[in-house]
Amino acid sequence: MPPTTPARRAVVAVMASVALLGAAAIPAVAAPHAASAGYADDSARLGYQKAVAARVLKGVFEQGDTAVVDRYVRSDYIQHNPFAADGAETLKGLATSVHAQFPDAVYDIKRVISDGDLVLVHSNVVLTPGTRGSAVFDIFRFQGGKIAEHWDTGQNVPESSANGNDMFSTVSWPQTSQPGPGFLTAYNKKLVTAAFDQLLVKKDLSAIDRYWGSEYHQHNPGIADGVAGVKAGLGGYFEAFPQLAVSRKRVIAEGDLVAVHSHYVNAPGERGRAVVDLFRVRGGKIVEHWDVLQDVPESSANGNGMF
């Protein structure tokens, strides 16, 4: 949710802009050279992008090392987090202040996928040990081997859940946070795009019967588990907001994981919410879902909008 004080806004801006820290799921690299990196194949390039992002964020937020920003982030870095200005210098300044204020902050990475020039990260960001923290999705665009642009969504983790699942775990089998084989990416991306458009853009609940698996696991804390839960939850949502408009902005997929970044507007004239929905596909059916929702604020520090 949007912060309520300038200090909190600065914290959220930096926290959410680079929540990739401690990425055990990302291959480690020793001092990658972004501008001149050569790739044996597309898989190597995607892995390189993940590794560069992790290197930057670990250096900045665990060590306060802003030199990694100079090395791996473009000077004309474009920011879509509404609480942070454009540019690598702003990122360095915010990172320094947050690291000083929250030296024990933990960026607990749950899953990372990369598609084309985009990297998406799902994480539990805990600034103060012992608190539940926030669920955050970050999207980074790479250009010339460096981070060039960033979008994100963040929300506080609630005390309880309607489905009994936390906002981060993998429940469907196999219980791994790693994306599945790359040869599945194109098929799963097409499937989820079609399912998303039918269900959320067209508000057609029959999409659930067509695209959702009988064993479906829900991580949105306000919706009950299973197919019946998503039908009831979204059915009630559509009924409450008959003029709901959902516009899909970008789809990012790797293996069996597919993320959709979109703008939900409940009624005409509202600013709406920035939402990232992450789906897991097994055997041609959607079997698991995570999401993060953030209100679009009235103004932005960068003027770029959240999308």
C-alpha atoms as a PDB file:
ATOM      1  CA  MET A   1       0.000   0.000   0.000  1.00  0.00           C
ATOM      2  CA  PRO A   2       1.216   3.575  -0.556  1.00  0.00           C
ATOM      3  CA  PRO A   3       3.266   4.913   2.339  1.00  0.00           C
ATOM      4  CA  THR A   4       1.915   7.752   4.428  1.00  0.00           C
ATOM      5  CA  THR A   5       5.051   9.746   5.251  1.00  0.00           C
ATOM      6  CA  PRO A   6       7.946  11.094   3.144  1.00  0.00           C
ATOM      7  CA  ALA A   7      10.441   8.929   5.015  1.00  0.00           C
ATOM      8  CA  ARG A   8       8.355   5.830   4.483  1.00  0.00           C
ATOM      9  CA  ARG A   9       7.955   6.746   0.820  1.00  0.00           C
ATOM     10  CA  ALA A  10      11.703   6.876   0.381  1.00  0.00           C
ATOM     11  CA  VAL A  11      12.055   3.507   2.101  1.00  0.00           C
ATOM     12  CA  VAL A  12       9.395   1.870  -0.043  1.00  0.00           C
ATOM     13  CA  ALA A  13      10.798   3.403  -3.218  1.00  0.00           C
ATOM     14  CA  VAL A  14      14.214   1.885  -2.707  1.00  0.00           C
ATOM     15  CA  MET A  15      12.983  -1.315  -1.122  1.00  0.00           C
ATOM     16  CA  ALA A  16      10.602  -2.042  -3.949  1.00  0.00           C
ATOM     17  CA  SER A  17      12.823  -0.828  -6.739  1.00  0.00           C
ATOM     18  CA  VAL A  18      15.406  -3.507  -6.179  1.00  0.00           C
ATOM     19  CA  ALA A  19      14.028  -6.369  -4.110  1.00  0.00           C
ATOM     20  CA  LEU A  20      16.337  -9.073  -5.464  1.00  0.00           C
ATOM     21  CA  LEU A  21      18.722  -9.469  -2.583  1.00  0.00           C
ATOM     22  CA  GLY A  22      20.274 -12.739  -1.475  1.00  0.00           C
ATOM     23  CA  ALA A  23      19.118 -14.581  -4.564  1.00  0.00           C
ATOM     24  CA  ALA A  24      19.978 -18.190  -3.901  1.00  0.00           C
ATOM     25  CA  ALA A  25      17.887 -19.155  -6.908  1.00  0.00           C
ATOM     26  CA  ILE A  26      20.023 -17.011  -9.226  1.00  0.00           C
ATOM     27  CA  PRO A  27      23.335 -18.298 -10.564  1.00  0.00           C
ATOM     28  CA  ALA A  28      26.235 -16.484  -8.946  1.00  0.00           C
ATOM     29  CA  VAL A  29      28.672 -14.532 -11.070  1.00  0.00           C
ATOM     30  CA  ALA A  30      32.075 -13.101 -10.334  1.00  0.00           C
ATOM     31  CA  ALA A  31      32.222  -9.493 -11.522  1.00  0.00           C
ATOM     32  CA  PRO A  32      30.213  -9.804 -14.759  1.00  0.00           C
ATOM     33  CA  HIS A  33      31.024  -7.251 -17.431  1.00  0.00           C
ATOM     34  CA  ALA A  34      27.622  -6.019 -18.568  1.00  0.00           C
ATOM     35  CA  ALA A  35      28.598  -3.974 -21.591  1.00  0.00           C
ATOM     36  CA  SER A  36      30.687  -6.652 -23.257  1.00  0.00           C
ATOM     37  CA  ALA A  37      29.073  -9.862 -22.088  1.00  0.00           C
ATOM     38  CA  GLY A  38      28.897 -12.623 -24.675  1.00  0.00           C
ATOM     39  CA  TYR A  39      26.295 -15.360 -24.444  1.00  0.00           C
ATOM     40  CA  ALA A  40      26.610 -18.932 -25.601  1.00  0.00           C
ATOM     41  CA  ASP A  41      22.824 -19.091 -26.017  1.00  0.00           C
ATOM     42  CA  ASP A  42      19.617 -17.404 -24.917  1.00  0.00           C
ATOM     43  CA  SER A  43      19.547 -19.329 -21.654  1.00  0.00           C
ATOM     44  CA  ALA A  44      22.960 -17.946 -20.765  1.00  0.00           C
ATOM     45  CA  ARG A  45      21.769 -14.399 -21.463  1.00  0.00           C
ATOM     46  CA  LEU A  46      18.713 -14.828 -19.234  1.00  0.00           C
ATOM     47  CA  GLY A  47      20.872 -16.251 -16.459  1.00  0.00           C
ATOM     48  CA  TYR A  48      23.311 -13.378 -16.865  1.00  0.00           C
ATOM     49  CA  GLN A  49      20.518 -10.825 -16.428  1.00  0.00           C
ATOM     50  CA  LYS A  50      19.411 -12.498 -13.208  1.00  0.00           C
ATOM     51  CA  ALA A  51      22.962 -12.622 -11.912  1.00  0.00           C
ATOM     52  CA  VAL A  52      23.655  -8.958 -12.673  1.00  0.00           C
ATOM     53  CA  ALA A  53      20.455  -7.895 -10.911  1.00  0.00           C
ATOM     54  CA  ALA A  54      21.373  -9.964  -7.864  1.00  0.00           C
ATOM     55  CA  ARG A  55      24.923  -8.595  -7.811  1.00  0.00           C
ATOM     56  CA  VAL A  56      23.673  -4.999  -7.874  1.00  0.00           C
ATOM     57  CA  LEU A  57      21.099  -5.475  -5.182  1.00  0.00           C
ATOM     58  CA  LYS A  58      23.267  -7.492  -2.844  1.00  0.00           C
ATOM     59  CA  GLY A  59      26.028  -4.917  -3.103  1.00  0.00           C
ATOM     60  CA  VAL A  60      23.724  -1.960  -2.578  1.00  0.00           C
ATOM     61  CA  PHE A  61      21.533  -3.223   0.239  1.00  0.00           C
ATOM     62  CA  GLU A  62      23.705  -5.642   2.170  1.00  0.00           C
ATOM     63  CA  GLN A  63      26.970  -3.770   1.811  1.00  0.00           C
ATOM     64  CA  GLY A  64      25.936  -0.225   0.943  1.00  0.00           C
ATOM     65  CA  ASP A  65      28.165  -0.511  -2.131  1.00  0.00           C
ATOM     66  CA  THR A  66      26.843   2.058  -4.589  1.00  0.00           C
ATOM     67  CA  ALA A  67      29.720   1.364  -6.990  1.00  0.00           C
ATOM     68  CA  VAL A  68      27.739  -1.595  -8.319  1.00  0.00           C
ATOM     69  CA  VAL A  69      25.094   0.855  -9.498  1.00  0.00           C
ATOM     70  CA  ASP A  70      27.709   2.675 -11.562  1.00  0.00           C
ATOM     71  CA  ARG A  71      28.839  -0.602 -13.027  1.00  0.00           C
ATOM     72  CA  TYR A  72      25.564  -2.331 -13.808  1.00  0.00           C
ATOM     73  CA  VAL A  73      22.805   0.327 -13.927  1.00  0.00           C
ATOM     74  CA  ARG A  74      22.485   2.776 -16.793  1.00  0.00           C
ATOM     75  CA  SER A  75      22.925   6.423 -15.810  1.00  0.00           C
ATOM     76  CA  ASP A  76      19.590   7.212 -17.520  1.00  0.00           C
ATOM     77  CA  TYR A  77      17.788   4.527 -15.476  1.00  0.00           C
ATOM     78  CA  ILE A  78      14.013   4.954 -15.899  1.00  0.00           C
ATOM     79  CA  GLN A  79      11.950   4.590 -12.735  1.00  0.00           C
ATOM     80  CA  HIS A  80       8.231   3.776 -12.525  1.00  0.00           C
ATOM     81  CA  ASN A  81       8.007   3.457  -8.744  1.00  0.00           C
ATOM     82  CA  PRO A  82       5.996   6.623  -8.031  1.00  0.00           C
ATOM     83  CA  PHE A  83       8.024   7.483  -4.926  1.00  0.00           C
ATOM     84  CA  ALA A  84      11.456   7.660  -6.575  1.00  0.00           C
ATOM     85  CA  ALA A  85      12.922   9.933  -9.232  1.00  0.00           C
ATOM     86  CA  ASP A  86      14.655   8.775 -12.395  1.00  0.00           C
ATOM     87  CA  GLY A  87      18.379   8.127 -12.689  1.00  0.00           C
ATOM     88  CA  ALA A  88      21.112   5.977 -11.196  1.00  0.00           C
ATOM     89  CA  GLU A  89      22.230   8.769  -8.865  1.00  0.00           C
ATOM     90  CA  THR A  90      18.826   8.816  -7.190  1.00  0.00           C
ATOM     91  CA  LEU A  91      18.975   5.056  -6.800  1.00  0.00           C
ATOM     92  CA  LYS A  92      22.384   5.304  -5.134  1.00  0.00           C
ATOM     93  CA  GLY A  93      21.251   8.037  -2.760  1.00  0.00           C
ATOM     94  CA  LEU A  94      18.112   6.232  -1.721  1.00  0.00           C
ATOM     95  CA  ALA A  95      19.959   2.934  -1.330  1.00  0.00           C
ATOM     96  CA  THR A  96      22.565   4.533   0.912  1.00  0.00           C
ATOM     97  CA  SER A  97      19.971   6.097   3.189  1.00  0.00           C
ATOM     98  CA  VAL A  98      17.851   2.952   3.451  1.00  0.00           C
ATOM     99  CA  HIS A  99      20.859   0.748   4.146  1.00  0.00           C
ATOM    100  CA  ALA A 100      21.890   3.124   6.932  1.00  0.00           C
ATOM    101  CA  GLN A 101      18.401   3.221   8.420  1.00  0.00           C
ATOM    102  CA  PHE A 102      17.674  -0.512   8.085  1.00  0.00           C
ATOM    103  CA  PRO A 103      21.018  -2.354   8.302  1.00  0.00           C
ATOM    104  CA  ASP A 104      19.257  -5.656   9.117  1.00  0.00           C
ATOM    105  CA  ALA A 105      16.789  -5.534   6.238  1.00  0.00           C
ATOM    106  CA  VAL A 106      16.236  -8.867   4.469  1.00  0.00           C
ATOM    107  CA  TYR A 107      15.244  -9.286   0.835  1.00  0.00           C
ATOM    108  CA  ASP A 108      14.009 -12.855   0.812  1.00  0.00           C
ATOM    109  CA  ILE A 109      13.793 -13.913  -2.817  1.00  0.00           C
ATOM    110  CA  LYS A 110      11.151 -16.534  -3.541  1.00  0.00           C
ATOM    111  CA  ARG A 111      11.275 -16.879  -7.335  1.00  0.00           C
ATOM    112  CA  VAL A 112      12.885 -15.139 -10.297  1.00  0.00           C
ATOM    113  CA  ILE A 113      12.086 -15.445 -14.006  1.00  0.00           C
ATOM    114  CA  SER A 114      13.530 -13.795 -17.094  1.00  0.00           C
ATOM    115  CA  ASP A 115      11.985 -13.376 -20.537  1.00  0.00           C
ATOM    116  CA  GLY A 116      13.625 -11.432 -23.337  1.00  0.00           C
ATOM    117  CA  ASP A 117      15.087  -8.286 -21.815  1.00  0.00           C
ATOM    118  CA  LEU A 118      12.913  -8.469 -18.672  1.00  0.00           C
ATOM    119  CA  VAL A 119      13.573  -9.954 -15.228  1.00  0.00           C
ATOM    120  CA  LEU A 120      10.766 -10.419 -12.701  1.00  0.00           C
ATOM    121  CA  VAL A 121      11.390 -11.014  -9.015  1.00  0.00           C
ATOM    122  CA  HIS A 122       8.917 -12.073  -6.304  1.00  0.00           C
ATOM    123  CA  SER A 123      10.144 -11.446  -2.788  1.00  0.00           C
ATOM    124  CA  ASN A 124       9.281 -10.952   0.866  1.00  0.00           C
ATOM    125  CA  VAL A 125      10.955  -7.702   1.910  1.00  0.00           C
ATOM    126  CA  VAL A 126      11.418  -7.357   5.674  1.00  0.00           C
ATOM    127  CA  LEU A 127      12.975  -4.062   6.728  1.00  0.00           C
ATOM    128  CA  THR A 128      12.758  -4.758  10.470  1.00  0.00           C
ATOM    129  CA  PRO A 129      13.457  -8.290  11.774  1.00  0.00           C
ATOM    130  CA  GLY A 130      10.442  -9.921  13.385  1.00  0.00           C
ATOM    131  CA  THR A 131       7.860  -8.169  11.192  1.00  0.00           C
ATOM    132  CA  ARG A 132       5.873  -9.740   8.348  1.00  0.00           C
ATOM    133  CA  GLY A 133       7.181  -7.242   5.830  1.00  0.00           C
ATOM    134  CA  SER A 134       5.871  -6.710   2.321  1.00  0.00           C
ATOM    135  CA  ALA A 135       5.174  -8.825  -0.737  1.00  0.00           C
ATOM    136  CA  VAL A 136       6.933  -7.222  -3.704  1.00  0.00           C
ATOM    137  CA  PHE A 137       7.147  -7.852  -7.419  1.00  0.00           C
ATOM    138  CA  ASP A 138       9.889  -6.048  -9.335  1.00  0.00           C
ATOM    139  CA  ILE A 139      10.278  -5.940 -13.101  1.00  0.00           C
ATOM    140  CA  PHE A 140      13.610  -4.850 -14.573  1.00  0.00           C
ATOM    141  CA  ARG A 141      14.323  -4.158 -18.236  1.00  0.00           C
ATOM    142  CA  PHE A 142      17.873  -4.689 -19.466  1.00  0.00           C
ATOM    143  CA  GLN A 143      19.580  -2.801 -22.263  1.00  0.00           C
ATOM    144  CA  GLY A 144      23.139  -3.510 -23.375  1.00  0.00           C
ATOM    145  CA  GLY A 145      23.664  -5.807 -20.391  1.00  0.00           C
ATOM    146  CA  LYS A 146      22.692  -3.147 -17.844  1.00  0.00           C
ATOM    147  CA  ILE A 147      19.517  -2.398 -15.916  1.00  0.00           C
ATOM    148  CA  ALA A 148      17.675   0.337 -17.815  1.00  0.00           C
ATOM    149  CA  GLU A 149      14.134   0.477 -16.421  1.00  0.00           C
ATOM    150  CA  HIS A 150      12.060  -0.645 -13.453  1.00  0.00           C
ATOM    151  CA  TRP A 151       8.420  -1.212 -12.497  1.00  0.00           C
ATOM    152  CA  ASP A 152       7.097  -2.653  -9.225  1.00  0.00           C
ATOM    153  CA  THR A 153       4.141  -3.401  -6.979  1.00  0.00           C
ATOM    154  CA  GLY A 154       4.189  -3.852  -3.202  1.00  0.00           C
ATOM    155  CA  GLN A 155       1.734  -4.557  -0.404  1.00  0.00           C
ATOM    156  CA  ASN A 156       1.930  -5.322   3.281  1.00  0.00           C
ATOM    157  CA  VAL A 157       1.678  -8.987   4.284  1.00  0.00           C
ATOM    158  CA  PRO A 158      -1.522  -9.383   6.375  1.00  0.00           C
ATOM    159  CA  GLU A 159      -1.852 -11.273   9.638  1.00  0.00           C
ATOM    160  CA  SER A 160      -4.184 -13.922   8.224  1.00  0.00           C
ATOM    161  CA  SER A 161      -5.287 -15.513   4.973  1.00  0.00           C
ATOM    162  CA  ALA A 162      -8.621 -16.811   3.664  1.00  0.00           C
ATOM    163  CA  ASN A 163      -6.913 -19.805   2.048  1.00  0.00           C
ATOM    164  CA  GLY A 164      -4.384 -20.936   4.650  1.00  0.00           C
ATOM    165  CA  ASN A 165      -1.456 -20.390   2.275  1.00  0.00           C
ATOM    166  CA  ASP A 166       1.124 -17.686   2.818  1.00  0.00           C
ATOM    167  CA  MET A 167       1.842 -15.170   0.048  1.00  0.00           C
ATOM    168  CA  PHE A 168       5.122 -16.782  -1.035  1.00  0.00           C
ATOM    169  CA  SER A 169       5.311 -20.576  -0.735  1.00  0.00           C
ATOM    170  CA  THR A 170       4.948 -23.115  -3.536  1.00  0.00           C
ATOM    171  CA  VAL A 171       2.148 -25.577  -2.772  1.00  0.00           C
ATOM    172  CA  SER A 172       1.637 -27.332  -6.114  1.00  0.00           C
ATOM    173  CA  TRP A 173       3.842 -30.313  -6.946  1.00  0.00           C
ATOM    174  CA  PRO A 174       6.782 -30.260  -7.332  1.00  0.00           C
ATOM    175  CA  GLN A 175       7.317 -27.761  -4.531  1.00  0.00           C
ATOM    176  CA  THR A 176      10.103 -25.774  -6.125  1.00  0.00           C
ATOM    177  CA  SER A 177      10.528 -22.061  -6.717  1.00  0.00           C
ATOM    178  CA  GLN A 178      12.556 -22.689  -9.871  1.00  0.00           C
ATOM    179  CA  PRO A 179      10.822 -22.187 -13.235  1.00  0.00           C
ATOM    180  CA  GLY A 180      10.261 -25.315 -15.301  1.00  0.00           C
ATOM    181  CA  PRO A 181      11.986 -26.254 -18.571  1.00  0.00           C
ATOM    182  CA  GLY A 182      12.439 -23.479 -21.096  1.00  0.00           C
ATOM    183  CA  PHE A 183      10.744 -25.370 -23.919  1.00  0.00           C
ATOM    184  CA  LEU A 184       7.432 -24.878 -22.042  1.00  0.00           C
ATOM    185  CA  THR A 185       7.708 -21.083 -21.966  1.00  0.00           C
ATOM    186  CA  ALA A 186       6.015 -20.143 -25.244  1.00  0.00           C
ATOM    187  CA  TYR A 187       3.086 -22.520 -24.771  1.00  0.00           C
ATOM    188  CA  ASN A 188       2.468 -21.487 -21.164  1.00  0.00           C
ATOM    189  CA  LYS A 189       2.765 -17.794 -21.995  1.00  0.00           C
ATOM    190  CA  LYS A 190       0.128 -18.126 -24.700  1.00  0.00           C
ATOM    191  CA  LEU A 191      -2.153 -20.161 -22.425  1.00  0.00           C
ATOM    192  CA  VAL A 192      -2.011 -17.735 -19.500  1.00  0.00           C
ATOM    193  CA  THR A 193      -2.473 -14.713 -21.761  1.00  0.00           C
ATOM    194  CA  ALA A 194      -5.632 -16.257 -23.212  1.00  0.00           C
ATOM    195  CA  ALA A 195      -6.891 -17.264 -19.752  1.00  0.00           C
ATOM    196  CA  PHE A 196      -6.175 -13.828 -18.279  1.00  0.00           C
ATOM    197  CA  ASP A 197      -7.910 -11.991 -21.108  1.00  0.00           C
ATOM    198  CA  GLN A 198     -11.006 -14.187 -20.964  1.00  0.00           C
ATOM    199  CA  LEU A 199     -11.319 -14.129 -17.177  1.00  0.00           C
ATOM    200  CA  LEU A 200     -10.165 -10.670 -16.162  1.00  0.00           C
ATOM    201  CA  VAL A 201     -10.356  -8.493 -19.253  1.00  0.00           C
ATOM    202  CA  LYS A 202     -13.674  -9.944 -20.511  1.00  0.00           C
ATOM    203  CA  LYS A 203     -14.871 -10.938 -17.006  1.00  0.00           C
ATOM    204  CA  ASP A 204     -15.914 -14.389 -18.228  1.00  0.00           C
ATOM    205  CA  LEU A 205     -15.916 -16.884 -15.342  1.00  0.00           C
ATOM    206  CA  SER A 206     -16.144 -19.829 -17.730  1.00  0.00           C
ATOM    207  CA  ALA A 207     -12.423 -19.318 -18.326  1.00  0.00           C
ATOM    208  CA  ILE A 208     -11.851 -21.001 -14.969  1.00  0.00           C
ATOM    209  CA  ASP A 209     -13.467 -24.235 -16.186  1.00  0.00           C
ATOM    210  CA  ARG A 210     -11.355 -24.152 -19.334  1.00  0.00           C
ATOM    211  CA  TYR A 211      -7.932 -23.123 -18.070  1.00  0.00           C
ATOM    212  CA  TRP A 212      -7.754 -23.848 -14.312  1.00  0.00           C
ATOM    213  CA  GLY A 213      -6.717 -27.188 -12.853  1.00  0.00           C
ATOM    214  CA  SER A 214      -8.954 -29.096 -10.452  1.00  0.00           C
ATOM    215  CA  GLU A 215      -6.256 -28.797  -7.790  1.00  0.00           C
ATOM    216  CA  TYR A 216      -5.708 -25.060  -7.689  1.00  0.00           C
ATOM    217  CA  HIS A 217      -3.788 -23.237  -4.970  1.00  0.00           C
ATOM    218  CA  GLN A 218      -4.411 -19.603  -4.104  1.00  0.00           C
ATOM    219  CA  HIS A 219      -2.005 -17.179  -2.389  1.00  0.00           C
ATOM    220  CA  ASN A 220      -4.067 -13.992  -2.555  1.00  0.00           C
ATOM    221  CA  PRO A 221      -4.913 -13.650   1.153  1.00  0.00           C
ATOM    222  CA  GLY A 222      -8.457 -12.462   0.460  1.00  0.00           C
ATOM    223  CA  ILE A 223      -9.587 -15.400  -1.712  1.00  0.00           C
ATOM    224  CA  ALA A 224     -10.346 -18.957  -0.591  1.00  0.00           C
ATOM    225  CA  ASP A 225      -8.335 -21.892  -1.945  1.00  0.00           C
ATOM    226  CA  GLY A 226      -9.347 -24.035  -4.894  1.00  0.00           C
ATOM    227  CA  VAL A 227     -11.423 -23.568  -8.026  1.00  0.00           C
ATOM    228  CA  ALA A 228     -14.569 -22.852  -6.003  1.00  0.00           C
ATOM    229  CA  GLY A 229     -12.694 -20.152  -4.111  1.00  0.00           C
ATOM    230  CA  VAL A 230     -11.528 -18.292  -7.202  1.00  0.00           C
ATOM    231  CA  LYS A 231     -14.967 -18.533  -8.796  1.00  0.00           C
ATOM    232  CA  ALA A 232     -16.655 -17.117  -5.711  1.00  0.00           C
ATOM    233  CA  GLY A 233     -14.005 -14.486  -5.121  1.00  0.00           C
ATOM    234  CA  LEU A 234     -13.858 -13.135  -8.655  1.00  0.00           C
ATOM    235  CA  GLY A 235     -17.584 -13.557  -9.181  1.00  0.00           C
ATOM    236  CA  GLY A 236     -18.217 -11.339  -6.182  1.00  0.00           C
ATOM    237  CA  TYR A 237     -15.607  -8.860  -7.404  1.00  0.00           C
ATOM    238  CA  PHE A 238     -17.154  -8.598 -10.865  1.00  0.00           C
ATOM    239  CA  GLU A 239     -20.617  -8.160  -9.340  1.00  0.00           C
ATOM    240  CA  ALA A 240     -19.420  -5.424  -7.001  1.00  0.00           C
ATOM    241  CA  PHE A 241     -17.626  -3.561  -9.792  1.00  0.00           C
ATOM    242  CA  PRO A 242     -19.564  -4.095 -13.037  1.00  0.00           C
ATOM    243  CA  GLN A 243     -17.520  -1.403 -14.816  1.00  0.00           C
ATOM    244  CA  LEU A 244     -14.198  -2.968 -13.902  1.00  0.00           C
ATOM    245  CA  ALA A 245     -11.594  -2.430 -16.618  1.00  0.00           C
ATOM    246  CA  VAL A 246      -8.405  -4.484 -16.671  1.00  0.00           C
ATOM    247  CA  SER A 247      -5.687  -3.583 -19.173  1.00  0.00           C
ATOM    248  CA  ARG A 248      -2.772  -5.936 -19.654  1.00  0.00           C
ATOM    249  CA  LYS A 249       0.602  -4.168 -19.956  1.00  0.00           C
ATOM    250  CA  ARG A 250       3.236  -6.897 -20.195  1.00  0.00           C
ATOM    251  CA  VAL A 251       3.548 -10.674 -19.853  1.00  0.00           C
ATOM    252  CA  ILE A 252       6.766 -12.293 -18.604  1.00  0.00           C
ATOM    253  CA  ALA A 253       7.229 -16.058 -18.697  1.00  0.00           C
ATOM    254  CA  GLU A 254       9.840 -18.692 -18.031  1.00  0.00           C
ATOM    255  CA  GLY A 255       9.080 -22.389 -17.961  1.00  0.00           C
ATOM    256  CA  ASP A 256       5.926 -23.007 -15.943  1.00  0.00           C
ATOM    257  CA  LEU A 257       5.741 -19.506 -14.420  1.00  0.00           C
ATOM    258  CA  VAL A 258       3.900 -16.677 -16.175  1.00  0.00           C
ATOM    259  CA  ALA A 259       3.472 -13.157 -14.778  1.00  0.00           C
ATOM    260  CA  VAL A 260       1.012 -10.540 -16.020  1.00  0.00           C
ATOM    261  CA  HIS A 261       1.547  -6.867 -15.168  1.00  0.00           C
ATOM    262  CA  SER A 262      -1.698  -4.939 -15.524  1.00  0.00           C
ATOM    263  CA  HIS A 263      -3.815  -1.962 -14.535  1.00  0.00           C
ATOM    264  CA  TYR A 264      -7.078  -2.677 -12.694  1.00  0.00           C
ATOM    265  CA  VAL A 265      -9.608   0.186 -12.562  1.00  0.00           C
ATOM    266  CA  ASN A 266     -12.745  -0.644 -10.597  1.00  0.00           C
ATOM    267  CA  ALA A 267     -14.807   2.265 -11.902  1.00  0.00           C
ATOM    268  CA  PRO A 268     -14.360   5.039 -14.481  1.00  0.00           C
ATOM    269  CA  GLY A 269     -12.469   8.040 -13.162  1.00  0.00           C
ATOM    270  CA  GLU A 270     -10.506   6.095 -10.536  1.00  0.00           C
ATOM    271  CA  ARG A 271      -6.711   5.835 -10.666  1.00  0.00           C
ATOM    272  CA  GLY A 272      -6.942   2.111 -10.030  1.00  0.00           C
ATOM    273  CA  ARG A 273      -4.282  -0.365  -8.973  1.00  0.00           C
ATOM    274  CA  ALA A 274      -1.062  -1.680 -10.398  1.00  0.00           C
ATOM    275  CA  VAL A 275      -1.194  -5.472 -10.164  1.00  0.00           C
ATOM    276  CA  VAL A 276       1.176  -8.320 -10.885  1.00  0.00           C
ATOM    277  CA  ASP A 277      -0.448 -11.757 -11.117  1.00  0.00           C
ATOM    278  CA  LEU A 278       1.890 -14.747 -11.206  1.00  0.00           C
ATOM    279  CA  PHE A 279       0.536 -18.092 -12.417  1.00  0.00           C
ATOM    280  CA  ARG A 280       2.023 -21.581 -12.387  1.00  0.00           C
ATOM    281  CA  VAL A 281       1.034 -23.958 -15.185  1.00  0.00           C
ATOM    282  CA  ARG A 282       1.261 -27.754 -14.940  1.00  0.00           C
ATOM    283  CA  GLY A 283       0.016 -30.121 -17.626  1.00  0.00           C
ATOM    284  CA  GLY A 284      -1.681 -27.355 -19.583  1.00  0.00           C
ATOM    285  CA  LYS A 285      -3.678 -26.035 -16.597  1.00  0.00           C
ATOM    286  CA  ILE A 286      -3.186 -23.157 -14.160  1.00  0.00           C
ATOM    287  CA  VAL A 287      -2.524 -24.743 -10.772  1.00  0.00           C
ATOM    288  CA  GLU A 288      -1.236 -21.905  -8.563  1.00  0.00           C
ATOM    289  CA  HIS A 289      -1.454 -18.124  -8.246  1.00  0.00           C
ATOM    290  CA  TRP A 290       0.343 -15.353  -6.375  1.00  0.00           C
ATOM    291  CA  ASP A 291      -0.279 -11.624  -6.684  1.00  0.00           C
ATOM    292  CA  VAL A 292       0.600  -8.174  -5.378  1.00  0.00           C
ATOM    293  CA  LEU A 293      -1.682  -5.134  -5.631  1.00  0.00           C
ATOM    294  CA  GLN A 294      -0.780  -1.474  -5.127  1.00  0.00           C
ATOM    295  CA  ASP A 295      -2.935   1.626  -5.404  1.00  0.00           C
ATOM    296  CA  VAL A 296      -1.844   4.091  -8.068  1.00  0.00           C
ATOM    297  CA  PRO A 297      -1.111   7.350  -6.221  1.00  0.00           C
ATOM    298  CA  GLU A 298      -2.270  10.792  -7.265  1.00  0.00           C
ATOM    299  CA  SER A 299       1.224  12.012  -8.149  1.00  0.00           C
ATOM    300  CA  SER A 300       4.633  10.587  -9.031  1.00  0.00           C
ATOM    301  CA  ALA A 301       8.202  11.633  -8.282  1.00  0.00           C
ATOM    302  CA  ASN A 302       9.251  10.732 -11.827  1.00  0.00           C
ATOM    303  CA  GLY A 303       6.295  11.500 -14.077  1.00  0.00           C
ATOM    304  CA  ASN A 304       6.516   8.158 -15.887  1.00  0.00           C
ATOM    305  CA  GLY A 305       3.415   6.476 -14.519  1.00  0.00           C
ATOM    306  CA  MET A 306       3.406   2.982 -13.034  1.00  0.00           C
ATOM    307  CA  PHE A 307       3.033   1.149 -16.358  1.00  0.00           C
END
